[in-house]
Protein backbone atom coordinates (compact mmCIF):
# COMPACT_ATOMS: atom_id res chain seq x y z
CA UNK A 1 11.68 16.01 3.11
CA UNK A 2 9.43 12.92 3.68
CA UNK A 3 8.42 12.08 0.01
CA UNK A 4 5.69 8.93 -0.67
CA UNK A 5 5.13 8.20 -4.87
CA UNK A 6 2.20 5.22 -5.63
CA UNK A 7 2.49 3.37 -8.81
CA UNK A 8 1.22 0.54 -10.15
CA UNK A 9 -2.29 0.72 -9.98
CA UNK A 10 -4.80 0.50 -12.94
CA UNK A 11 -7.85 -1.28 -14.29
CA UNK A 12 -7.86 -5.10 -13.79
CA UNK A 13 -10.62 -7.88 -14.28
CA UNK A 14 -12.27 -9.79 -11.28
CA UNK A 15 -9.62 -12.39 -9.91
CA UNK A 16 -6.73 -10.57 -11.22
CA UNK A 17 -4.09 -9.18 -9.85
CA UNK A 18 -1.76 -6.06 -9.47
CA UNK A 19 1.71 -4.90 -7.67
CA UNK A 20 1.31 -1.46 -6.44
CA UNK A 21 5.10 -0.10 -5.34
CA UNK A 22 5.68 3.12 -3.33
CA UNK A 23 9.23 4.94 -3.72
CA UNK A 24 10.26 6.65 -0.45
CA UNK A 25 12.76 9.57 -0.05
CA UNK A 26 13.20 11.87 2.37
CA UNK A 27 13.94 10.01 5.47
CA UNK A 28 15.71 7.04 6.23
CA UNK A 29 13.50 4.41 4.97
CA UNK A 30 14.51 1.38 6.55
CA UNK A 31 14.39 2.72 10.20
CA UNK A 32 10.54 3.17 9.61
CA UNK A 33 7.42 0.77 9.30
CA UNK A 34 5.31 1.45 6.68
CA UNK A 35 1.40 0.84 5.80
CA UNK A 36 -0.81 0.43 3.08
CA UNK A 37 -4.22 2.37 2.83
CA UNK A 38 -6.80 2.68 0.82
CA UNK A 39 -9.96 4.92 -0.08
CA UNK A 40 -13.13 3.62 -1.86
CA UNK A 41 -15.55 6.43 -2.84
CA UNK A 42 -18.32 7.34 0.18
CA UNK A 43 -16.02 5.86 2.75
CA UNK A 44 -13.00 6.21 5.14
CA UNK A 45 -9.68 5.60 4.34
CA UNK A 46 -8.86 1.87 6.07
CA UNK A 47 -5.59 0.09 6.30
CA UNK A 48 -4.98 -2.55 4.30
CA UNK A 49 -1.51 -3.78 5.76
CA UNK A 50 1.46 -3.11 7.79
CA UNK A 51 5.08 -3.98 7.23
CA UNK A 52 8.34 -4.00 10.03
CA UNK A 53 11.63 -1.77 9.60
CA UNK A 54 13.03 -5.06 8.30
CA UNK A 55 10.24 -6.45 6.83
CA UNK A 56 9.63 -9.78 9.62
CA UNK A 57 6.75 -8.76 11.20
CA UNK A 58 3.24 -8.07 8.97
CA UNK A 59 -0.03 -7.50 9.39
CA UNK A 60 -3.39 -7.27 7.04
CA UNK A 61 -6.88 -6.63 7.46
CA UNK A 62 -9.14 -9.31 7.66
CA UNK A 63 -11.03 -8.12 4.17
CA UNK A 64 -7.65 -8.86 2.09
CA UNK A 65 -5.92 -11.49 4.48
CA UNK A 66 -4.65 -14.11 2.58
CA UNK A 67 -4.99 -12.18 -1.09
CA UNK A 68 -2.32 -9.53 -0.56
CA UNK A 69 1.23 -9.14 0.75
CA UNK A 70 2.45 -6.50 1.32
CA UNK A 71 7.15 -6.17 1.68
CA UNK A 72 9.86 -4.04 1.33
CA UNK A 73 13.30 -3.70 -0.06
CA UNK A 74 15.57 -1.30 1.86
CA UNK A 75 18.04 -1.21 -0.53
CA UNK A 76 15.30 0.93 -3.53
CA UNK A 77 13.36 2.36 -0.42
CA UNK A 78 10.39 0.92 -1.71
CA UNK A 79 7.50 -1.04 -0.11
CA UNK A 80 5.09 -2.99 -2.44
CA UNK A 81 1.70 -4.29 -2.40
CA UNK A 82 0.90 -7.44 -4.28
CA UNK A 83 -2.98 -7.88 -4.41
CA UNK A 84 -4.12 -11.24 -5.87
CA UNK A 85 -7.69 -12.93 -6.68
CA UNK A 86 -8.80 -8.73 -6.69
CA UNK A 87 -11.89 -8.14 -6.24
CA UNK A 88 -14.81 -5.38 -6.94
CA UNK A 89 -15.19 -4.07 -3.43
CA UNK A 90 -11.52 -3.61 -3.30
CA UNK A 91 -12.13 -0.56 -5.68
CA UNK A 92 -10.33 2.37 -4.26
CA UNK A 93 -7.67 4.81 -4.45
CA UNK A 94 -4.11 3.13 -2.35
CA UNK A 95 -2.26 5.22 -0.52
CA UNK A 96 1.11 4.46 1.18
CA UNK A 97 1.92 5.87 4.53
CA UNK A 98 4.65 6.36 6.63
CA UNK A 99 4.35 7.84 10.65
CA UNK A 100 7.47 10.18 11.16
CA UNK A 101 8.78 12.13 14.26
CA UNK A 102 5.34 12.84 14.88
CA UNK A 103 3.81 12.89 11.48
CA UNK A 104 1.68 10.80 9.46
CA UNK A 105 2.89 11.19 5.53
CA UNK A 106 0.81 10.02 2.47
CA UNK A 107 1.34 9.72 -0.86
CA UNK A 108 -0.98 10.97 -4.17
CA UNK A 109 -2.45 7.92 -4.02
CA UNK A 110 -3.03 5.40 -7.30
CA UNK A 111 -6.32 4.00 -8.74
CA UNK A 112 -7.16 0.56 -8.46
CA UNK A 113 -10.55 -0.43 -10.28
CA UNK A 114 -11.54 -3.95 -10.27
CA UNK A 115 -14.48 -4.55 -12.52
CA UNK A 116 -15.29 -6.43 -15.70
């Protein structure tokens, strides 16, 4: 059974940094692209970043380019999201996700709050 468990969220001041982690299990992690999404209150869930199976290809939402970095460790079955220069508008619940055998799976999410 596919399981995704996010961690690393919290409260941070504007300009600060956080590193999110997502531990995956129940599927062959190294064979699947992985993604991070976020959902702010009252807004739709949006794609933040994606990474290919080997990590050789990444993509980012325009709003986070140059500030966020997605990476993965296939030996640890973990995908990361390094978030720098955080802004109040980055406040959201962050989810990791995988599209596996015709279904999209989500973790439970981790709250990121950027506020002074």
